[in-house]
Amino acid sequence: MIIRMRISRAVVARVVMSMVPLLFMAFVAVSQEQISYDWEGSKEGWVPASENNLGCNLIEQPEAMAMRAFNTTPVMRSGTLSESLGIDAGDYDRVQITLKNPTSSGNPNARLFAYGPESNAFMCHWNVPVDTSMTEFQTYTLDLTTPPNSGSGTFEGDVARFGWRGPWGVANGDTIYWKSMVIYSSSGCTNADACNYAPLAEIDNGACVLVGDSCDDGNPATLDDMINADCLCSGQVDEIREPNAAFNLDLGPNPTSNALEANSAVPLGAIRILDSQGKVCLEHQTRETRMVLDVSDFVPGLYFFEAHSSQGRVISRFIVQRP
């Protein structure tokens, strides 16, 4: 049996356990994940600015998202007014943008905006010099620790959304092509062999997680927790087994996410599934020795499978889990 969870949350349902080893596993969590937008064939939730003087149309295309300008200051934003990334400005210090600017403007500064919660008024903004008359996509990196444009504000506190203005000087009907955007921290794990390798990190933060490292899966009942080859934190706990079972009952896969198969040498008889609180989740009567049950609607957690046949009663435990 395997249980998966994020170490950073470290919340484990405690159950009575004894005697038989059981693998308990936890996902290795990256301390600060990057935020990525891939605009190839998708808008990724981005929307045109609602203000008339910032108008544009966003069009999904296989290679990139096209921004068709309605005026000289087209702006797009990473979601509607009610949406929020829920991040703190202090956690991110780099933005990487890949775009193609076919226009021949003499002052080709694209502009990145940061917005606070529930506001279209920018928190601050930076100019990003880009090339003109581009026939290929190019990537530019902005250091968010550099001061924003004079008088535009400061980059601090809660950040709900980002926005981009097309390069200065685009005209009504011009099109700018946006391929991708990544918001990240320059500090991270730079070891390519690590489970939490951050390929864009410039400075190693000393927090790389490697296979074989000791760890804590969050369960006080586990022993010898360490990072395994799947980058999971795994330890040993004990499993309940009913003593002197009346007949053999095999359940699998265990853990499961969608379907559970039960096998026995004798007809399974009256079947019940109970959750960890004793609530009956499923009842069934069968003369078969094998059956497959749909558990796709079950809430992840611990369950008990009870089979009451002519040979007696058997109870076995299984776990429902999903990534």
C-alpha atoms as a PDB file:
ATOM      1  CA  MET A   1       0.000   0.000   0.000  1.00  0.00           C
ATOM      2  CA  ILE A   2       1.238   3.490  -0.823  1.00  0.00           C
ATOM      3  CA  ILE A   3      -0.053   6.852   0.402  1.00  0.00           C
ATOM      4  CA  ARG A   4       1.050  10.048  -1.323  1.00  0.00           C
ATOM      5  CA  MET A   5       0.993  13.596   0.003  1.00  0.00           C
ATOM      6  CA  ARG A   6       3.025  16.798  -0.109  1.00  0.00           C
ATOM      7  CA  ILE A   7       5.642  17.035   2.590  1.00  0.00           C
ATOM      8  CA  SER A   8       4.940  20.753   2.961  1.00  0.00           C
ATOM      9  CA  ARG A   9       1.445  19.983   4.206  1.00  0.00           C
ATOM     10  CA  ALA A  10       2.404  16.954   6.276  1.00  0.00           C
ATOM     11  CA  VAL A  11      -1.139  16.090   7.263  1.00  0.00           C
ATOM     12  CA  VAL A  12      -1.739  12.392   7.784  1.00  0.00           C
ATOM     13  CA  ALA A  13      -4.869  10.555   8.898  1.00  0.00           C
ATOM     14  CA  ARG A  14      -3.882   8.403  11.838  1.00  0.00           C
ATOM     15  CA  VAL A  15      -5.170   4.851  12.055  1.00  0.00           C
ATOM     16  CA  VAL A  16      -4.505   1.929  14.389  1.00  0.00           C
ATOM     17  CA  MET A  17      -1.576  -0.076  13.005  1.00  0.00           C
ATOM     18  CA  SER A  18       0.293  -3.248  13.985  1.00  0.00           C
ATOM     19  CA  MET A  19       2.909  -5.765  12.913  1.00  0.00           C
ATOM     20  CA  VAL A  20       3.054  -5.940   9.068  1.00  0.00           C
ATOM     21  CA  PRO A  21       5.276  -3.420   7.199  1.00  0.00           C
ATOM     22  CA  LEU A  22       3.477  -0.905   4.999  1.00  0.00           C
ATOM     23  CA  LEU A  23       5.167   1.598   2.712  1.00  0.00           C
ATOM     24  CA  PHE A  24       4.109   5.161   3.432  1.00  0.00           C
ATOM     25  CA  MET A  25       5.163   7.716   0.838  1.00  0.00           C
ATOM     26  CA  ALA A  26       5.066  11.470   0.436  1.00  0.00           C
ATOM     27  CA  PHE A  27       5.741  13.697  -2.542  1.00  0.00           C
ATOM     28  CA  VAL A  28       8.816  15.901  -2.435  1.00  0.00           C
ATOM     29  CA  ALA A  29       7.538  19.460  -2.620  1.00  0.00           C
ATOM     30  CA  VAL A  30       9.484  22.248  -4.318  1.00  0.00           C
ATOM     31  CA  SER A  31       9.696  25.235  -2.002  1.00  0.00           C
ATOM     32  CA  GLN A  32       8.623  27.780  -4.592  1.00  0.00           C
ATOM     33  CA  GLU A  33       7.265  26.659  -7.923  1.00  0.00           C
ATOM     34  CA  GLN A  34       7.569  28.753 -11.060  1.00  0.00           C
ATOM     35  CA  ILE A  35       4.479  30.098 -12.809  1.00  0.00           C
ATOM     36  CA  SER A  36       4.403  29.258 -16.514  1.00  0.00           C
ATOM     37  CA  TYR A  37       2.161  30.278 -19.398  1.00  0.00           C
ATOM     38  CA  ASP A  38       2.451  28.350 -22.652  1.00  0.00           C
ATOM     39  CA  TRP A  39       0.543  30.253 -25.327  1.00  0.00           C
ATOM     40  CA  GLU A  40       1.025  27.709 -28.110  1.00  0.00           C
ATOM     41  CA  GLY A  41      -2.546  26.915 -29.114  1.00  0.00           C
ATOM     42  CA  SER A  42      -3.966  28.428 -25.922  1.00  0.00           C
ATOM     43  CA  LYS A  43      -4.672  31.749 -24.227  1.00  0.00           C
ATOM     44  CA  GLU A  44      -3.917  30.197 -20.814  1.00  0.00           C
ATOM     45  CA  GLY A  45      -6.659  32.317 -19.226  1.00  0.00           C
ATOM     46  CA  TRP A  46      -5.290  35.632 -20.467  1.00  0.00           C
ATOM     47  CA  VAL A  47      -7.826  38.285 -21.475  1.00  0.00           C
ATOM     48  CA  PRO A  48      -7.727  41.645 -23.299  1.00  0.00           C
ATOM     49  CA  ALA A  49      -7.863  44.729 -21.082  1.00  0.00           C
ATOM     50  CA  SER A  50     -11.427  46.001 -20.720  1.00  0.00           C
ATOM     51  CA  GLU A  51     -10.500  49.690 -21.038  1.00  0.00           C
ATOM     52  CA  ASN A  52     -11.236  51.145 -24.494  1.00  0.00           C
ATOM     53  CA  ASN A  53      -7.850  52.851 -24.784  1.00  0.00           C
ATOM     54  CA  LEU A  54      -6.045  49.539 -24.138  1.00  0.00           C
ATOM     55  CA  GLY A  55      -8.025  47.469 -26.594  1.00  0.00           C
ATOM     56  CA  CYS A  56      -6.849  44.379 -28.410  1.00  0.00           C
ATOM     57  CA  ASN A  57      -8.064  40.985 -29.498  1.00  0.00           C
ATOM     58  CA  LEU A  58      -6.331  37.767 -28.412  1.00  0.00           C
ATOM     59  CA  ILE A  59      -6.363  34.882 -30.878  1.00  0.00           C
ATOM     60  CA  GLU A  60      -5.235  31.313 -30.218  1.00  0.00           C
ATOM     61  CA  GLN A  61      -2.804  30.076 -32.864  1.00  0.00           C
ATOM     62  CA  PRO A  62      -0.743  26.859 -32.989  1.00  0.00           C
ATOM     63  CA  GLU A  63       2.603  28.608 -32.614  1.00  0.00           C
ATOM     64  CA  ALA A  64       1.692  31.468 -30.272  1.00  0.00           C
ATOM     65  CA  MET A  65      -1.098  33.723 -29.051  1.00  0.00           C
ATOM     66  CA  ALA A  66      -1.696  36.649 -31.409  1.00  0.00           C
ATOM     67  CA  MET A  67      -2.433  40.088 -29.947  1.00  0.00           C
ATOM     68  CA  ARG A  68      -4.184  42.185 -32.575  1.00  0.00           C
ATOM     69  CA  ALA A  69      -4.073  45.858 -31.569  1.00  0.00           C
ATOM     70  CA  PHE A  70      -7.055  48.214 -31.728  1.00  0.00           C
ATOM     71  CA  ASN A  71      -4.844  51.209 -30.871  1.00  0.00           C
ATOM     72  CA  THR A  72      -1.230  52.031 -29.961  1.00  0.00           C
ATOM     73  CA  THR A  73      -1.398  50.711 -26.379  1.00  0.00           C
ATOM     74  CA  PRO A  74      -2.867  47.184 -26.477  1.00  0.00           C
ATOM     75  CA  VAL A  75      -2.824  45.449 -23.073  1.00  0.00           C
ATOM     76  CA  MET A  76      -3.605  41.883 -21.994  1.00  0.00           C
ATOM     77  CA  ARG A  77      -3.902  40.511 -18.449  1.00  0.00           C
ATOM     78  CA  SER A  78      -3.506  37.113 -16.790  1.00  0.00           C
ATOM     79  CA  GLY A  79      -7.162  36.708 -15.904  1.00  0.00           C
ATOM     80  CA  THR A  80     -10.254  38.716 -15.098  1.00  0.00           C
ATOM     81  CA  LEU A  81     -10.607  41.224 -12.278  1.00  0.00           C
ATOM     82  CA  SER A  82     -11.858  38.587  -9.819  1.00  0.00           C
ATOM     83  CA  GLU A  83      -8.992  36.145 -10.463  1.00  0.00           C
ATOM     84  CA  SER A  84      -5.763  36.066  -8.492  1.00  0.00           C
ATOM     85  CA  LEU A  85      -2.434  34.245  -8.537  1.00  0.00           C
ATOM     86  CA  GLY A  86      -2.286  34.637  -4.760  1.00  0.00           C
ATOM     87  CA  ILE A  87       1.471  35.188  -4.666  1.00  0.00           C
ATOM     88  CA  ASP A  88       3.772  37.534  -2.789  1.00  0.00           C
ATOM     89  CA  ALA A  89       6.053  39.829  -4.751  1.00  0.00           C
ATOM     90  CA  GLY A  90       9.002  38.849  -2.569  1.00  0.00           C
ATOM     91  CA  ASP A  91       8.896  35.228  -3.725  1.00  0.00           C
ATOM     92  CA  TYR A  92       9.684  35.949  -7.389  1.00  0.00           C
ATOM     93  CA  ASP A  93      12.428  38.041  -8.967  1.00  0.00           C
ATOM     94  CA  ARG A  94      12.558  37.049 -12.645  1.00  0.00           C
ATOM     95  CA  VAL A  95      10.227  37.055 -15.636  1.00  0.00           C
ATOM     96  CA  GLN A  96      11.126  35.385 -18.922  1.00  0.00           C
ATOM     97  CA  ILE A  97       9.058  36.336 -21.971  1.00  0.00           C
ATOM     98  CA  THR A  98       9.238  34.884 -25.487  1.00  0.00           C
ATOM     99  CA  LEU A  99       7.579  36.889 -28.261  1.00  0.00           C
ATOM    100  CA  LYS A 100       7.790  38.005 -31.868  1.00  0.00           C
ATOM    101  CA  ASN A 101       7.384  41.676 -32.788  1.00  0.00           C
ATOM    102  CA  PRO A 102       7.020  42.038 -36.577  1.00  0.00           C
ATOM    103  CA  THR A 103       6.419  45.796 -36.383  1.00  0.00           C
ATOM    104  CA  SER A 104       9.094  48.376 -37.197  1.00  0.00           C
ATOM    105  CA  SER A 105       8.400  50.768 -34.317  1.00  0.00           C
ATOM    106  CA  GLY A 106      11.299  53.073 -33.455  1.00  0.00           C
ATOM    107  CA  ASN A 107      10.747  52.707 -29.673  1.00  0.00           C
ATOM    108  CA  PRO A 108      10.031  49.004 -29.177  1.00  0.00           C
ATOM    109  CA  ASN A 109       9.520  48.772 -25.412  1.00  0.00           C
ATOM    110  CA  ALA A 110       7.043  46.140 -24.321  1.00  0.00           C
ATOM    111  CA  ARG A 111       5.723  46.791 -20.817  1.00  0.00           C
ATOM    112  CA  LEU A 112       5.091  44.368 -17.952  1.00  0.00           C
ATOM    113  CA  PHE A 113       2.427  45.344 -15.403  1.00  0.00           C
ATOM    114  CA  ALA A 114       1.845  43.929 -11.923  1.00  0.00           C
ATOM    115  CA  TYR A 115      -1.598  44.240 -10.325  1.00  0.00           C
ATOM    116  CA  GLY A 116      -2.849  43.933  -6.776  1.00  0.00           C
ATOM    117  CA  PRO A 117      -6.018  42.019  -5.860  1.00  0.00           C
ATOM    118  CA  GLU A 118      -9.281  43.000  -7.571  1.00  0.00           C
ATOM    119  CA  SER A 119      -7.862  46.042  -9.325  1.00  0.00           C
ATOM    120  CA  ASN A 120      -7.107  47.089 -12.888  1.00  0.00           C
ATOM    121  CA  ALA A 121      -4.925  49.887 -11.525  1.00  0.00           C
ATOM    122  CA  PHE A 122      -1.338  48.696 -11.839  1.00  0.00           C
ATOM    123  CA  MET A 123       0.879  48.218  -8.811  1.00  0.00           C
ATOM    124  CA  CYS A 124       3.910  49.118 -10.938  1.00  0.00           C
ATOM    125  CA  HIS A 125       5.384  48.452 -14.380  1.00  0.00           C
ATOM    126  CA  TRP A 126       8.690  47.880 -16.196  1.00  0.00           C
ATOM    127  CA  ASN A 127       9.726  48.533 -19.789  1.00  0.00           C
ATOM    128  CA  VAL A 128      11.270  45.590 -21.625  1.00  0.00           C
ATOM    129  CA  PRO A 129      13.257  46.593 -24.739  1.00  0.00           C
ATOM    130  CA  VAL A 130      12.531  44.205 -27.604  1.00  0.00           C
ATOM    131  CA  ASP A 131      13.642  44.003 -31.214  1.00  0.00           C
ATOM    132  CA  THR A 132      11.636  45.107 -34.239  1.00  0.00           C
ATOM    133  CA  SER A 133      10.846  43.539 -37.619  1.00  0.00           C
ATOM    134  CA  MET A 134      11.315  40.126 -36.011  1.00  0.00           C
ATOM    135  CA  THR A 135      10.823  37.024 -38.146  1.00  0.00           C
ATOM    136  CA  GLU A 136      11.651  34.600 -35.322  1.00  0.00           C
ATOM    137  CA  PHE A 137      10.699  34.417 -31.665  1.00  0.00           C
ATOM    138  CA  GLN A 138      13.141  35.827 -29.143  1.00  0.00           C
ATOM    139  CA  THR A 139      13.355  35.443 -25.369  1.00  0.00           C
ATOM    140  CA  TYR A 140      13.988  38.286 -22.920  1.00  0.00           C
ATOM    141  CA  THR A 141      14.560  38.127 -19.154  1.00  0.00           C
ATOM    142  CA  LEU A 142      13.478  40.890 -16.772  1.00  0.00           C
ATOM    143  CA  ASP A 143      14.988  41.251 -13.291  1.00  0.00           C
ATOM    144  CA  LEU A 144      12.106  42.202 -10.999  1.00  0.00           C
ATOM    145  CA  THR A 145      14.547  43.526  -8.391  1.00  0.00           C
ATOM    146  CA  THR A 146      15.387  46.407 -10.725  1.00  0.00           C
ATOM    147  CA  PRO A 147      13.325  49.511  -9.889  1.00  0.00           C
ATOM    148  CA  PRO A 148      10.046  49.754 -11.804  1.00  0.00           C
ATOM    149  CA  ASN A 149       9.541  52.673 -14.163  1.00  0.00           C
ATOM    150  CA  SER A 150       9.837  55.999 -12.373  1.00  0.00           C
ATOM    151  CA  GLY A 151       6.608  57.020 -10.690  1.00  0.00           C
ATOM    152  CA  SER A 152       4.816  53.760 -11.489  1.00  0.00           C
ATOM    153  CA  GLY A 153       4.884  52.373  -7.943  1.00  0.00           C
ATOM    154  CA  THR A 154       6.676  49.568  -6.095  1.00  0.00           C
ATOM    155  CA  PHE A 155       6.669  45.797  -6.467  1.00  0.00           C
ATOM    156  CA  GLU A 156       5.648  44.535  -3.041  1.00  0.00           C
ATOM    157  CA  GLY A 157       2.836  42.737  -1.263  1.00  0.00           C
ATOM    158  CA  ASP A 158       0.120  40.576  -2.797  1.00  0.00           C
ATOM    159  CA  VAL A 159       0.248  40.107  -6.570  1.00  0.00           C
ATOM    160  CA  ALA A 160      -2.989  39.000  -8.209  1.00  0.00           C
ATOM    161  CA  ARG A 161      -2.209  39.307 -11.914  1.00  0.00           C
ATOM    162  CA  PHE A 162       0.359  40.341 -14.482  1.00  0.00           C
ATOM    163  CA  GLY A 163      -0.208  42.138 -17.745  1.00  0.00           C
ATOM    164  CA  TRP A 164       1.643  42.967 -20.944  1.00  0.00           C
ATOM    165  CA  ARG A 165       1.403  45.977 -23.209  1.00  0.00           C
ATOM    166  CA  GLY A 166       2.478  45.516 -26.801  1.00  0.00           C
ATOM    167  CA  PRO A 167       5.709  47.262 -27.848  1.00  0.00           C
ATOM    168  CA  TRP A 168       5.308  51.032 -27.913  1.00  0.00           C
ATOM    169  CA  GLY A 169       4.305  52.405 -31.276  1.00  0.00           C
ATOM    170  CA  VAL A 170       2.213  49.543 -32.616  1.00  0.00           C
ATOM    171  CA  ALA A 171      -0.656  50.781 -34.738  1.00  0.00           C
ATOM    172  CA  ASN A 172      -4.285  49.790 -35.034  1.00  0.00           C
ATOM    173  CA  GLY A 173      -4.342  46.415 -36.780  1.00  0.00           C
ATOM    174  CA  ASP A 174      -0.751  45.442 -35.942  1.00  0.00           C
ATOM    175  CA  THR A 175      -0.207  41.972 -34.448  1.00  0.00           C
ATOM    176  CA  ILE A 176       2.279  40.881 -31.771  1.00  0.00           C
ATOM    177  CA  TYR A 177       2.864  37.163 -31.146  1.00  0.00           C
ATOM    178  CA  TRP A 178       3.345  35.916 -27.575  1.00  0.00           C
ATOM    179  CA  LYS A 179       4.772  32.403 -27.169  1.00  0.00           C
ATOM    180  CA  SER A 180       5.469  31.859 -23.466  1.00  0.00           C
ATOM    181  CA  MET A 181       6.058  33.489 -20.103  1.00  0.00           C
ATOM    182  CA  VAL A 182       7.714  32.179 -16.930  1.00  0.00           C
ATOM    183  CA  ILE A 183       7.692  33.898 -13.527  1.00  0.00           C
ATOM    184  CA  TYR A 184      10.290  32.397 -11.193  1.00  0.00           C
ATOM    185  CA  SER A 185      12.894  32.901  -8.509  1.00  0.00           C
ATOM    186  CA  SER A 186      16.562  33.154  -9.445  1.00  0.00           C
ATOM    187  CA  SER A 187      17.376  31.218  -6.268  1.00  0.00           C
ATOM    188  CA  GLY A 188      16.746  27.482  -6.395  1.00  0.00           C
ATOM    189  CA  CYS A 189      18.300  24.050  -6.744  1.00  0.00           C
ATOM    190  CA  THR A 190      20.889  24.040  -9.545  1.00  0.00           C
ATOM    191  CA  ASN A 191      21.794  20.330  -9.304  1.00  0.00           C
ATOM    192  CA  ALA A 192      20.328  18.598 -12.372  1.00  0.00           C
ATOM    193  CA  ASP A 193      20.291  15.264 -10.502  1.00  0.00           C
ATOM    194  CA  ALA A 194      18.060  16.589  -7.739  1.00  0.00           C
ATOM    195  CA  CYS A 195      14.355  15.883  -7.396  1.00  0.00           C
ATOM    196  CA  ASN A 196      13.632  19.612  -7.110  1.00  0.00           C
ATOM    197  CA  TYR A 197      15.992  20.824  -9.853  1.00  0.00           C
ATOM    198  CA  ALA A 198      15.068  24.339 -11.012  1.00  0.00           C
ATOM    199  CA  PRO A 199      16.461  24.740 -14.556  1.00  0.00           C
ATOM    200  CA  LEU A 200      16.093  28.537 -14.572  1.00  0.00           C
ATOM    201  CA  ALA A 201      17.729  29.089 -11.175  1.00  0.00           C
ATOM    202  CA  GLU A 202      20.879  31.226 -11.234  1.00  0.00           C
ATOM    203  CA  ILE A 203      21.894  30.888  -7.570  1.00  0.00           C
ATOM    204  CA  ASP A 204      21.845  27.607  -5.649  1.00  0.00           C
ATOM    205  CA  ASN A 205      19.735  27.907  -2.507  1.00  0.00           C
ATOM    206  CA  GLY A 206      21.332  24.938  -0.756  1.00  0.00           C
ATOM    207  CA  ALA A 207      18.015  23.092  -0.587  1.00  0.00           C
ATOM    208  CA  CYS A 208      18.473  20.388  -3.244  1.00  0.00           C
ATOM    209  CA  VAL A 209      16.695  17.106  -2.494  1.00  0.00           C
ATOM    210  CA  LEU A 210      18.572  14.006  -3.691  1.00  0.00           C
ATOM    211  CA  VAL A 211      17.702  10.316  -3.791  1.00  0.00           C
ATOM    212  CA  GLY A 212      18.845   8.751  -0.516  1.00  0.00           C
ATOM    213  CA  ASP A 213      18.399  11.914   1.551  1.00  0.00           C
ATOM    214  CA  SER A 214      16.646  11.488   4.862  1.00  0.00           C
ATOM    215  CA  CYS A 215      13.212  13.095   5.054  1.00  0.00           C
ATOM    216  CA  ASP A 216       9.994  13.206   7.064  1.00  0.00           C
ATOM    217  CA  ASP A 217       6.785  11.972   5.460  1.00  0.00           C
ATOM    218  CA  GLY A 218       4.702  13.635   8.159  1.00  0.00           C
ATOM    219  CA  ASN A 219       3.557  10.398   9.800  1.00  0.00           C
ATOM    220  CA  PRO A 220       4.961   9.821  13.311  1.00  0.00           C
ATOM    221  CA  ALA A 221       4.378   6.064  12.917  1.00  0.00           C
ATOM    222  CA  THR A 222       6.903   5.660  10.092  1.00  0.00           C
ATOM    223  CA  LEU A 223      10.565   4.701  10.396  1.00  0.00           C
ATOM    224  CA  ASP A 224      13.696   5.256   8.276  1.00  0.00           C
ATOM    225  CA  ASP A 225      12.076   7.809   5.953  1.00  0.00           C
ATOM    226  CA  MET A 226      14.186   8.633   2.904  1.00  0.00           C
ATOM    227  CA  ILE A 227      13.863   9.929  -0.674  1.00  0.00           C
ATOM    228  CA  ASN A 228      13.500   7.036  -3.107  1.00  0.00           C
ATOM    229  CA  ALA A 229      14.200   6.756  -6.857  1.00  0.00           C
ATOM    230  CA  ASP A 230      10.743   8.173  -7.649  1.00  0.00           C
ATOM    231  CA  CYS A 231      11.548  11.280  -5.590  1.00  0.00           C
ATOM    232  CA  LEU A 232       9.062  10.219  -2.935  1.00  0.00           C
ATOM    233  CA  CYS A 233       9.650  10.269   0.799  1.00  0.00           C
ATOM    234  CA  SER A 234       8.994   6.714   1.959  1.00  0.00           C
ATOM    235  CA  GLY A 235       8.989   5.050   5.353  1.00  0.00           C
ATOM    236  CA  GLN A 236       7.769   1.908   7.117  1.00  0.00           C
ATOM    237  CA  VAL A 237       4.597   1.693   9.190  1.00  0.00           C
ATOM    238  CA  ASP A 238       2.432  -1.213  10.313  1.00  0.00           C
ATOM    239  CA  GLU A 239      -0.698  -2.580   8.689  1.00  0.00           C
ATOM    240  CA  ILE A 240      -3.828  -4.013  10.260  1.00  0.00           C
ATOM    241  CA  ARG A 241      -4.491  -7.642   9.394  1.00  0.00           C
ATOM    242  CA  GLU A 242      -7.435  -9.599  10.693  1.00  0.00           C
ATOM    243  CA  PRO A 243      -6.108 -12.617  12.630  1.00  0.00           C
ATOM    244  CA  ASN A 244      -7.285 -16.094  11.617  1.00  0.00           C
ATOM    245  CA  ALA A 245      -9.070 -14.926   8.459  1.00  0.00           C
ATOM    246  CA  ALA A 246     -11.743 -17.381   7.271  1.00  0.00           C
ATOM    247  CA  PHE A 247     -10.487 -17.340   3.658  1.00  0.00           C
ATOM    248  CA  ASN A 248      -7.958 -15.545   1.495  1.00  0.00           C
ATOM    249  CA  LEU A 249      -9.032 -12.248  -0.063  1.00  0.00           C
ATOM    250  CA  ASP A 250      -6.862 -10.372  -2.553  1.00  0.00           C
ATOM    251  CA  LEU A 251      -7.516  -6.691  -3.331  1.00  0.00           C
ATOM    252  CA  GLY A 252      -5.788  -4.682  -6.012  1.00  0.00           C
ATOM    253  CA  PRO A 253      -4.489  -2.341  -7.073  1.00  0.00           C
ATOM    254  CA  ASN A 254      -3.916  -1.052  -3.601  1.00  0.00           C
ATOM    255  CA  PRO A 255      -3.779   1.931  -3.356  1.00  0.00           C
ATOM    256  CA  THR A 256      -6.285   2.564  -6.140  1.00  0.00           C
ATOM    257  CA  SER A 257      -7.780   5.631  -7.761  1.00  0.00           C
ATOM    258  CA  ASN A 258     -10.657   4.350  -9.903  1.00  0.00           C
ATOM    259  CA  ALA A 259     -11.280   0.587  -9.769  1.00  0.00           C
ATOM    260  CA  LEU A 260     -10.729  -2.069  -7.097  1.00  0.00           C
ATOM    261  CA  GLU A 261     -10.603  -5.786  -7.952  1.00  0.00           C
ATOM    262  CA  ALA A 262     -11.447  -8.413  -5.305  1.00  0.00           C
ATOM    263  CA  ASN A 263     -10.480 -12.083  -5.757  1.00  0.00           C
ATOM    264  CA  SER A 264     -11.100 -15.146  -3.611  1.00  0.00           C
ATOM    265  CA  ALA A 265     -11.190 -18.938  -3.986  1.00  0.00           C
ATOM    266  CA  VAL A 266     -14.763 -18.946  -2.633  1.00  0.00           C
ATOM    267  CA  PRO A 267     -17.827 -16.848  -3.547  1.00  0.00           C
ATOM    268  CA  LEU A 268     -17.450 -13.414  -1.990  1.00  0.00           C
ATOM    269  CA  GLY A 269     -21.028 -13.317  -0.704  1.00  0.00           C
ATOM    270  CA  ALA A 270     -22.231 -10.167   1.041  1.00  0.00           C
ATOM    271  CA  ILE A 271     -19.893  -7.260   0.316  1.00  0.00           C
ATOM    272  CA  ARG A 272     -19.611  -4.018   2.254  1.00  0.00           C
ATOM    273  CA  ILE A 273     -17.166  -1.113   1.990  1.00  0.00           C
ATOM    274  CA  LEU A 274     -16.833   1.160   5.011  1.00  0.00           C
ATOM    275  CA  ASP A 275     -14.832   4.347   5.422  1.00  0.00           C
ATOM    276  CA  SER A 276     -12.488   5.026   8.346  1.00  0.00           C
ATOM    277  CA  GLN A 277     -15.414   6.412  10.367  1.00  0.00           C
ATOM    278  CA  GLY A 278     -17.464   3.235   9.940  1.00  0.00           C
ATOM    279  CA  LYS A 279     -19.903   4.685   7.410  1.00  0.00           C
ATOM    280  CA  VAL A 280     -21.134   2.131   4.847  1.00  0.00           C
ATOM    281  CA  CYS A 281     -20.191   3.414   1.381  1.00  0.00           C
ATOM    282  CA  LEU A 282     -21.235   0.394  -0.695  1.00  0.00           C
ATOM    283  CA  GLU A 283     -23.196  -2.862  -0.240  1.00  0.00           C
ATOM    284  CA  HIS A 284     -23.468  -5.714  -2.731  1.00  0.00           C
ATOM    285  CA  GLN A 285     -24.438  -9.400  -2.830  1.00  0.00           C
ATOM    286  CA  THR A 286     -22.643 -11.764  -5.218  1.00  0.00           C
ATOM    287  CA  ARG A 287     -21.992 -15.452  -5.909  1.00  0.00           C
ATOM    288  CA  GLU A 288     -18.861 -14.617  -7.863  1.00  0.00           C
ATOM    289  CA  THR A 289     -15.302 -15.207  -6.703  1.00  0.00           C
ATOM    290  CA  ARG A 290     -14.071 -12.133  -8.560  1.00  0.00           C
ATOM    291  CA  MET A 291     -15.534  -8.665  -8.900  1.00  0.00           C
ATOM    292  CA  VAL A 292     -14.399  -5.186  -9.922  1.00  0.00           C
ATOM    293  CA  LEU A 293     -15.809  -2.212  -8.033  1.00  0.00           C
ATOM    294  CA  ASP A 294     -15.894   1.412  -9.205  1.00  0.00           C
ATOM    295  CA  VAL A 295     -14.406   3.654  -6.503  1.00  0.00           C
ATOM    296  CA  SER A 296     -13.807   6.696  -8.713  1.00  0.00           C
ATOM    297  CA  ASP A 297     -16.320   8.722  -6.676  1.00  0.00           C
ATOM    298  CA  PHE A 298     -14.797   7.798  -3.321  1.00  0.00           C
ATOM    299  CA  VAL A 299     -13.073  10.545  -1.363  1.00  0.00           C
ATOM    300  CA  PRO A 300      -9.337   9.746  -1.030  1.00  0.00           C
ATOM    301  CA  GLY A 301      -8.596   7.999   2.235  1.00  0.00           C
ATOM    302  CA  LEU A 302      -8.675   4.715   4.135  1.00  0.00           C
ATOM    303  CA  TYR A 303     -11.459   2.145   3.542  1.00  0.00           C
ATOM    304  CA  PHE A 304     -12.338  -1.354   4.751  1.00  0.00           C
ATOM    305  CA  PHE A 305     -13.562  -4.122   2.411  1.00  0.00           C
ATOM    306  CA  GLU A 306     -15.740  -6.680   4.195  1.00  0.00           C
ATOM    307  CA  ALA A 307     -16.724  -9.989   2.556  1.00  0.00           C
ATOM    308  CA  HIS A 308     -19.119 -12.325   4.379  1.00  0.00           C
ATOM    309  CA  SER A 309     -19.297 -15.705   2.616  1.00  0.00           C
ATOM    310  CA  SER A 310     -20.310 -19.224   3.588  1.00  0.00           C
ATOM    311  CA  GLN A 311     -16.760 -19.687   4.907  1.00  0.00           C
ATOM    312  CA  GLY A 312     -17.009 -16.760   7.296  1.00  0.00           C
ATOM    313  CA  ARG A 313     -16.091 -13.085   7.304  1.00  0.00           C
ATOM    314  CA  VAL A 314     -12.925 -11.383   6.054  1.00  0.00           C
ATOM    315  CA  ILE A 315     -12.009  -7.703   6.372  1.00  0.00           C
ATOM    316  CA  SER A 316      -9.182  -6.145   4.384  1.00  0.00           C
ATOM    317  CA  ARG A 317      -8.029  -2.576   4.174  1.00  0.00           C
ATOM    318  CA  PHE A 318      -7.425  -0.490   1.045  1.00  0.00           C
ATOM    319  CA  ILE A 319      -6.600   3.106   0.244  1.00  0.00           C
ATOM    320  CA  VAL A 320      -8.066   5.442  -2.364  1.00  0.00           C
ATOM    321  CA  GLN A 321      -5.600   8.054  -3.536  1.00  0.00           C
ATOM    322  CA  ARG A 322      -5.229  10.395  -6.481  1.00  0.00           C
ATOM    323  CA  PRO A 323      -2.318  12.580  -7.652  1.00  0.00           C
END
